[in-house]
N, C-alpha and C. Protein backbone atom coordinates (compact mmCIF):
# COMPACT_ATOMS: atom_id res chain seq x y z
N MET A 1 -99.41 14.44 -53.86
CA MET A 1 -100.43 13.53 -54.31
C MET A 1 -99.78 12.49 -55.21
N THR A 2 -99.92 11.22 -54.86
CA THR A 2 -99.29 10.14 -55.60
C THR A 2 -100.36 9.20 -56.12
N PHE A 3 -100.26 8.85 -57.41
CA PHE A 3 -101.18 7.92 -58.04
C PHE A 3 -100.45 6.64 -58.38
N THR A 4 -101.14 5.52 -58.23
CA THR A 4 -100.62 4.25 -58.72
C THR A 4 -101.19 4.02 -60.11
N PHE A 5 -100.62 3.06 -60.83
CA PHE A 5 -101.13 2.76 -62.16
C PHE A 5 -102.58 2.28 -62.10
N ALA A 6 -102.94 1.56 -61.04
CA ALA A 6 -104.32 1.08 -60.89
C ALA A 6 -105.28 2.26 -60.73
N GLU A 7 -104.88 3.28 -59.97
CA GLU A 7 -105.74 4.44 -59.79
C GLU A 7 -105.89 5.22 -61.10
N ILE A 8 -104.81 5.37 -61.82
CA ILE A 8 -104.88 6.07 -63.11
C ILE A 8 -105.78 5.30 -64.06
N ALA A 9 -105.67 3.98 -64.06
CA ALA A 9 -106.51 3.15 -64.93
C ALA A 9 -107.98 3.28 -64.55
N SER A 10 -108.29 3.37 -63.27
CA SER A 10 -109.69 3.48 -62.86
C SER A 10 -110.29 4.82 -63.25
N PHE A 11 -109.49 5.88 -63.33
CA PHE A 11 -110.00 7.19 -63.74
C PHE A 11 -110.45 7.18 -65.19
N SER A 12 -109.81 6.39 -66.02
CA SER A 12 -110.07 6.49 -67.46
C SER A 12 -110.67 5.23 -68.06
N ASN A 13 -111.22 4.36 -67.24
CA ASN A 13 -111.82 3.12 -67.73
C ASN A 13 -110.80 2.25 -68.47
N ILE A 14 -109.56 2.32 -68.10
CA ILE A 14 -108.54 1.46 -68.69
C ILE A 14 -108.50 0.21 -67.84
N SER A 15 -108.55 -0.94 -68.49
CA SER A 15 -108.58 -2.18 -67.72
C SER A 15 -107.22 -2.51 -67.12
N SER A 16 -106.13 -2.15 -67.78
CA SER A 16 -104.79 -2.33 -67.22
C SER A 16 -103.81 -1.45 -67.98
N VAL A 17 -102.68 -1.22 -67.36
CA VAL A 17 -101.63 -0.43 -68.00
C VAL A 17 -100.38 -1.29 -67.99
N LYS A 18 -99.69 -1.37 -69.12
CA LYS A 18 -98.47 -2.17 -69.17
C LYS A 18 -97.40 -1.41 -69.94
N TYR A 19 -96.15 -1.73 -69.65
CA TYR A 19 -95.03 -1.15 -70.37
C TYR A 19 -94.73 -1.98 -71.60
N VAL A 20 -94.59 -1.31 -72.74
CA VAL A 20 -94.14 -1.96 -73.97
C VAL A 20 -92.96 -1.13 -74.45
N GLY A 21 -91.77 -1.68 -74.35
CA GLY A 21 -90.58 -0.90 -74.69
C GLY A 21 -90.40 0.19 -73.67
N THR A 22 -90.43 1.42 -74.14
CA THR A 22 -90.27 2.56 -73.23
C THR A 22 -91.56 3.36 -73.09
N GLN A 23 -92.68 2.86 -73.64
CA GLN A 23 -93.93 3.61 -73.60
C GLN A 23 -94.99 2.85 -72.82
N LEU A 24 -95.88 3.60 -72.20
CA LEU A 24 -97.02 2.99 -71.54
C LEU A 24 -98.08 2.67 -72.58
N LYS A 25 -98.59 1.46 -72.56
CA LYS A 25 -99.65 1.06 -73.48
C LYS A 25 -100.86 0.61 -72.66
N PRO A 26 -101.95 1.38 -72.69
CA PRO A 26 -103.14 0.96 -71.93
C PRO A 26 -103.91 -0.12 -72.67
N ASN A 27 -104.52 -1.02 -71.92
CA ASN A 27 -105.45 -1.98 -72.48
C ASN A 27 -106.85 -1.43 -72.22
N TYR A 28 -107.54 -1.06 -73.28
CA TYR A 28 -108.84 -0.40 -73.14
C TYR A 28 -109.94 -1.41 -72.88
N SER A 29 -110.90 -1.01 -72.07
CA SER A 29 -112.08 -1.84 -71.88
C SER A 29 -113.00 -1.61 -73.08
N PRO A 30 -113.89 -2.54 -73.39
CA PRO A 30 -114.72 -2.40 -74.58
C PRO A 30 -115.66 -1.20 -74.54
N LEU A 31 -116.04 -0.72 -73.37
CA LEU A 31 -116.98 0.38 -73.28
C LEU A 31 -116.30 1.75 -73.35
N ALA A 32 -115.01 1.79 -73.23
CA ALA A 32 -114.32 3.08 -73.15
C ALA A 32 -114.06 3.64 -74.54
N SER A 33 -114.15 4.94 -74.64
CA SER A 33 -113.84 5.62 -75.90
C SER A 33 -112.34 5.92 -75.93
N PRO A 34 -111.64 5.54 -77.00
CA PRO A 34 -110.19 5.79 -77.07
C PRO A 34 -109.85 7.28 -76.99
N ILE A 35 -110.70 8.14 -77.54
CA ILE A 35 -110.41 9.57 -77.50
C ILE A 35 -110.49 10.08 -76.07
N ARG A 36 -111.55 9.71 -75.38
CA ARG A 36 -111.71 10.14 -74.00
C ARG A 36 -110.60 9.57 -73.12
N ILE A 37 -110.27 8.32 -73.32
CA ILE A 37 -109.23 7.67 -72.54
C ILE A 37 -107.88 8.34 -72.80
N ARG A 38 -107.60 8.62 -74.06
CA ARG A 38 -106.32 9.26 -74.39
C ARG A 38 -106.22 10.62 -73.69
N THR A 39 -107.30 11.38 -73.69
CA THR A 39 -107.28 12.70 -73.05
C THR A 39 -107.05 12.56 -71.55
N VAL A 40 -107.78 11.64 -70.92
CA VAL A 40 -107.62 11.44 -69.48
C VAL A 40 -106.23 10.89 -69.19
N GLU A 41 -105.78 9.92 -70.01
CA GLU A 41 -104.46 9.33 -69.81
C GLU A 41 -103.38 10.40 -69.94
N GLU A 42 -103.47 11.22 -70.98
CA GLU A 42 -102.46 12.24 -71.19
C GLU A 42 -102.50 13.28 -70.08
N SER A 43 -103.69 13.69 -69.71
CA SER A 43 -103.76 14.74 -68.70
C SER A 43 -103.29 14.25 -67.34
N LEU A 44 -103.77 13.10 -66.90
CA LEU A 44 -103.38 12.61 -65.58
C LEU A 44 -101.96 12.06 -65.56
N LEU A 45 -101.67 11.20 -66.53
CA LEU A 45 -100.36 10.55 -66.54
C LEU A 45 -99.25 11.55 -66.84
N HIS A 46 -99.48 12.40 -67.83
CA HIS A 46 -98.45 13.38 -68.16
C HIS A 46 -98.29 14.42 -67.06
N LYS A 47 -99.40 14.79 -66.44
CA LYS A 47 -99.31 15.74 -65.34
C LYS A 47 -98.51 15.15 -64.19
N LYS A 48 -98.82 13.90 -63.85
CA LYS A 48 -98.09 13.23 -62.77
C LYS A 48 -96.63 13.04 -63.15
N LEU A 49 -96.37 12.67 -64.39
CA LEU A 49 -94.99 12.50 -64.86
C LEU A 49 -94.23 13.82 -64.79
N CYS A 50 -94.87 14.90 -65.21
CA CYS A 50 -94.23 16.22 -65.14
C CYS A 50 -93.96 16.63 -63.70
N GLU A 51 -94.93 16.36 -62.81
CA GLU A 51 -94.73 16.68 -61.40
C GLU A 51 -93.56 15.90 -60.81
N CYS A 52 -93.52 14.61 -61.13
CA CYS A 52 -92.43 13.77 -60.61
C CYS A 52 -91.09 14.20 -61.19
N ASN A 53 -91.07 14.52 -62.49
CA ASN A 53 -89.83 14.97 -63.11
C ASN A 53 -89.36 16.29 -62.50
N LEU A 54 -90.31 17.20 -62.27
CA LEU A 54 -89.96 18.48 -61.66
C LEU A 54 -89.44 18.28 -60.24
N SER A 55 -90.09 17.41 -59.49
CA SER A 55 -89.65 17.12 -58.13
C SER A 55 -88.26 16.49 -58.14
N LEU A 56 -88.05 15.55 -59.06
CA LEU A 56 -86.73 14.92 -59.18
C LEU A 56 -85.68 15.95 -59.56
N TRP A 57 -86.01 16.82 -60.52
CA TRP A 57 -85.07 17.86 -60.96
C TRP A 57 -84.71 18.79 -59.79
N ASN A 58 -85.73 19.23 -59.05
CA ASN A 58 -85.48 20.13 -57.92
C ASN A 58 -84.63 19.45 -56.85
N SER A 59 -84.96 18.20 -56.54
CA SER A 59 -84.20 17.47 -55.52
C SER A 59 -82.76 17.28 -55.96
N LEU A 60 -82.58 16.85 -57.20
CA LEU A 60 -81.23 16.61 -57.72
C LEU A 60 -80.45 17.91 -57.80
N ASN A 61 -81.11 18.97 -58.26
CA ASN A 61 -80.45 20.27 -58.38
C ASN A 61 -80.02 20.80 -57.01
N SER A 62 -80.91 20.71 -56.02
CA SER A 62 -80.55 21.20 -54.68
C SER A 62 -79.45 20.34 -54.06
N PHE A 63 -79.50 19.02 -54.30
CA PHE A 63 -78.44 18.14 -53.79
C PHE A 63 -77.09 18.51 -54.39
N ILE A 64 -77.07 18.71 -55.70
CA ILE A 64 -75.81 19.06 -56.37
C ILE A 64 -75.32 20.42 -55.90
N GLN A 65 -76.22 21.39 -55.80
CA GLN A 65 -75.81 22.72 -55.35
C GLN A 65 -75.27 22.69 -53.92
N SER A 66 -75.94 21.96 -53.04
CA SER A 66 -75.46 21.89 -51.65
C SER A 66 -74.12 21.16 -51.58
N THR A 67 -73.97 20.11 -52.38
CA THR A 67 -72.71 19.37 -52.39
C THR A 67 -71.58 20.24 -52.92
N VAL A 68 -71.83 20.91 -54.04
CA VAL A 68 -70.81 21.77 -54.63
C VAL A 68 -70.50 22.94 -53.71
N SER A 69 -71.53 23.51 -53.11
CA SER A 69 -71.33 24.65 -52.21
C SER A 69 -70.50 24.26 -50.99
N SER A 70 -70.86 23.16 -50.34
CA SER A 70 -70.10 22.75 -49.15
C SER A 70 -68.69 22.33 -49.52
N THR A 71 -68.54 21.66 -50.66
CA THR A 71 -67.20 21.25 -51.10
C THR A 71 -66.34 22.45 -51.44
N SER A 72 -66.92 23.44 -52.10
CA SER A 72 -66.14 24.63 -52.44
C SER A 72 -65.75 25.40 -51.18
N LYS A 73 -66.63 25.45 -50.18
CA LYS A 73 -66.28 26.10 -48.92
C LYS A 73 -65.13 25.37 -48.23
N LYS A 74 -65.18 24.04 -48.26
CA LYS A 74 -64.09 23.26 -47.66
C LYS A 74 -62.79 23.47 -48.42
N LEU A 75 -62.86 23.54 -49.75
CA LEU A 75 -61.66 23.78 -50.55
C LEU A 75 -61.08 25.16 -50.27
N ILE A 76 -61.93 26.15 -50.13
CA ILE A 76 -61.45 27.51 -49.82
C ILE A 76 -60.78 27.52 -48.45
N ALA A 77 -61.38 26.86 -47.47
CA ALA A 77 -60.78 26.81 -46.13
C ALA A 77 -59.44 26.08 -46.17
N THR A 78 -59.38 24.98 -46.91
CA THR A 78 -58.13 24.23 -47.05
C THR A 78 -57.08 25.07 -47.75
N ASP A 79 -57.48 25.80 -48.77
CA ASP A 79 -56.55 26.67 -49.49
C ASP A 79 -55.99 27.75 -48.57
N GLN A 80 -56.85 28.33 -47.73
CA GLN A 80 -56.39 29.35 -46.79
C GLN A 80 -55.40 28.76 -45.78
N LEU A 81 -55.68 27.54 -45.31
CA LEU A 81 -54.74 26.88 -44.40
C LEU A 81 -53.40 26.61 -45.09
N LEU A 82 -53.46 26.20 -46.35
CA LEU A 82 -52.22 25.96 -47.10
C LEU A 82 -51.42 27.24 -47.29
N VAL A 83 -52.10 28.34 -47.56
CA VAL A 83 -51.41 29.62 -47.72
C VAL A 83 -50.76 30.03 -46.39
N GLN A 84 -51.48 29.86 -45.29
CA GLN A 84 -50.92 30.18 -43.98
C GLN A 84 -49.71 29.30 -43.68
N SER A 85 -49.81 28.01 -44.01
CA SER A 85 -48.69 27.10 -43.80
C SER A 85 -47.50 27.50 -44.66
N GLN A 86 -47.76 27.91 -45.89
CA GLN A 86 -46.69 28.34 -46.78
C GLN A 86 -45.98 29.57 -46.22
N VAL A 87 -46.74 30.53 -45.73
CA VAL A 87 -46.14 31.74 -45.14
C VAL A 87 -45.31 31.36 -43.92
N THR A 88 -45.84 30.47 -43.08
CA THR A 88 -45.11 30.03 -41.89
C THR A 88 -43.81 29.33 -42.28
N LEU A 89 -43.86 28.46 -43.29
CA LEU A 89 -42.66 27.77 -43.75
C LEU A 89 -41.64 28.74 -44.33
N GLN A 90 -42.10 29.73 -45.08
CA GLN A 90 -41.17 30.71 -45.64
C GLN A 90 -40.50 31.52 -44.52
N THR A 91 -41.27 31.90 -43.52
CA THR A 91 -40.70 32.63 -42.38
C THR A 91 -39.69 31.76 -41.63
N ALA A 92 -40.06 30.51 -41.40
CA ALA A 92 -39.14 29.59 -40.71
C ALA A 92 -37.88 29.37 -41.54
N SER A 93 -38.02 29.25 -42.84
CA SER A 93 -36.86 29.06 -43.72
C SER A 93 -35.92 30.26 -43.65
N LYS A 94 -36.47 31.47 -43.69
CA LYS A 94 -35.64 32.68 -43.59
C LYS A 94 -34.94 32.74 -42.24
N THR A 95 -35.67 32.40 -41.17
CA THR A 95 -35.08 32.42 -39.83
C THR A 95 -33.96 31.40 -39.71
N ILE A 96 -34.17 30.20 -40.22
CA ILE A 96 -33.14 29.16 -40.17
C ILE A 96 -31.92 29.57 -40.98
N LYS A 97 -32.12 30.18 -42.14
CA LYS A 97 -30.99 30.65 -42.95
C LYS A 97 -30.20 31.72 -42.20
N LYS A 98 -30.91 32.63 -41.56
CA LYS A 98 -30.24 33.69 -40.78
C LYS A 98 -29.46 33.08 -39.61
N ILE A 99 -30.06 32.09 -38.93
CA ILE A 99 -29.37 31.41 -37.83
C ILE A 99 -28.13 30.70 -38.36
N ASN A 100 -28.24 30.06 -39.51
CA ASN A 100 -27.09 29.37 -40.11
C ASN A 100 -25.97 30.36 -40.44
N ASP A 101 -26.32 31.49 -41.05
CA ASP A 101 -25.31 32.51 -41.38
C ASP A 101 -24.64 33.03 -40.11
N THR A 102 -25.43 33.27 -39.07
CA THR A 102 -24.88 33.76 -37.80
C THR A 102 -23.96 32.71 -37.18
N THR A 103 -24.35 31.43 -37.26
CA THR A 103 -23.53 30.35 -36.71
C THR A 103 -22.20 30.26 -37.45
N VAL A 104 -22.22 30.38 -38.77
CA VAL A 104 -20.98 30.34 -39.56
C VAL A 104 -20.09 31.51 -39.17
N GLU A 105 -20.67 32.67 -39.00
CA GLU A 105 -19.89 33.86 -38.60
C GLU A 105 -19.30 33.68 -37.20
N LEU A 106 -20.09 33.16 -36.26
CA LEU A 106 -19.59 32.91 -34.90
C LEU A 106 -18.48 31.87 -34.90
N THR A 107 -18.63 30.82 -35.71
CA THR A 107 -17.60 29.79 -35.80
C THR A 107 -16.29 30.39 -36.31
N SER A 108 -16.38 31.23 -37.31
CA SER A 108 -15.19 31.89 -37.86
C SER A 108 -14.52 32.77 -36.80
N LYS A 109 -15.28 33.54 -36.07
CA LYS A 109 -14.71 34.41 -35.03
C LYS A 109 -14.11 33.58 -33.89
N PHE A 110 -14.80 32.48 -33.53
CA PHE A 110 -14.28 31.62 -32.48
C PHE A 110 -12.94 31.01 -32.88
N LYS A 111 -12.82 30.55 -34.14
CA LYS A 111 -11.55 29.99 -34.62
C LYS A 111 -10.44 31.03 -34.59
N SER A 112 -10.77 32.25 -34.96
CA SER A 112 -9.75 33.30 -34.95
C SER A 112 -9.32 33.63 -33.52
N ILE A 113 -10.26 33.54 -32.57
CA ILE A 113 -9.92 33.80 -31.17
C ILE A 113 -9.03 32.68 -30.64
N VAL A 114 -9.39 31.43 -30.92
CA VAL A 114 -8.64 30.28 -30.41
C VAL A 114 -7.24 30.24 -31.02
N ASN A 115 -7.14 30.53 -32.30
CA ASN A 115 -5.86 30.42 -32.98
C ASN A 115 -5.01 31.68 -32.87
N GLY A 116 -5.54 32.74 -32.36
CA GLY A 116 -4.79 34.00 -32.30
C GLY A 116 -3.83 34.06 -31.13
N ASN A 117 -2.78 34.87 -31.28
CA ASN A 117 -1.81 35.12 -30.20
C ASN A 117 -2.24 36.37 -29.47
N PHE A 118 -2.63 36.17 -28.21
CA PHE A 118 -3.03 37.33 -27.42
C PHE A 118 -1.84 37.94 -26.67
N ILE A 119 -0.91 37.11 -26.40
CA ILE A 119 0.26 37.61 -25.68
C ILE A 119 1.32 37.97 -26.72
N PRO A 120 1.67 39.21 -26.74
CA PRO A 120 2.70 39.58 -27.71
C PRO A 120 4.05 38.94 -27.33
N PRO A 121 4.86 38.72 -28.32
CA PRO A 121 6.17 38.12 -28.00
C PRO A 121 6.99 39.05 -27.07
N LEU A 122 7.60 38.48 -26.06
CA LEU A 122 8.39 39.25 -25.09
C LEU A 122 9.88 39.16 -25.47
N THR A 123 10.49 40.26 -25.48
CA THR A 123 11.93 40.28 -25.73
C THR A 123 12.64 40.88 -24.52
N LEU A 124 13.71 40.26 -24.12
CA LEU A 124 14.46 40.73 -22.96
C LEU A 124 15.69 41.48 -23.46
N SER A 125 15.86 42.60 -22.98
CA SER A 125 17.06 43.30 -23.37
C SER A 125 17.85 43.81 -22.20
C-alpha cells in the first residue's frame, strides 16, 4: 500500500505538506484541529515511513547477504582451484628435478663410456 503526500494530506485535513529542512511541515486548514491532525499525521506518516524503512532495510540486507554469499562461494572455489594448481606445480617441479638429476647421471655415464678404453692394451711377446 503506497500513499502520496496528497493522499496523506486529505486524510488529515492538511491543505498541503512541504519539506522544511529535514522535517515535514504540514500547512493546516483553518477548520482542522492541530491535535487531531498531529495524531493522524504521526500515525499515517510514521507508519508509512516505518514500513518503507523496513522494506528498504530488508531489501538492502538481502542484497548484501546474497552478494556476500555468492562472492564468498566464488572465492572458496577460486581458492580450491589455486590449491589444486599449487599441488600440480609442486608435483611437476619434483618430477622435473628428478628428470634433471637422471639426465645429469646419464650424461656422466655416457661420458665415461665414450672416454673409456674398452680394448685392453695388447702386448706381443
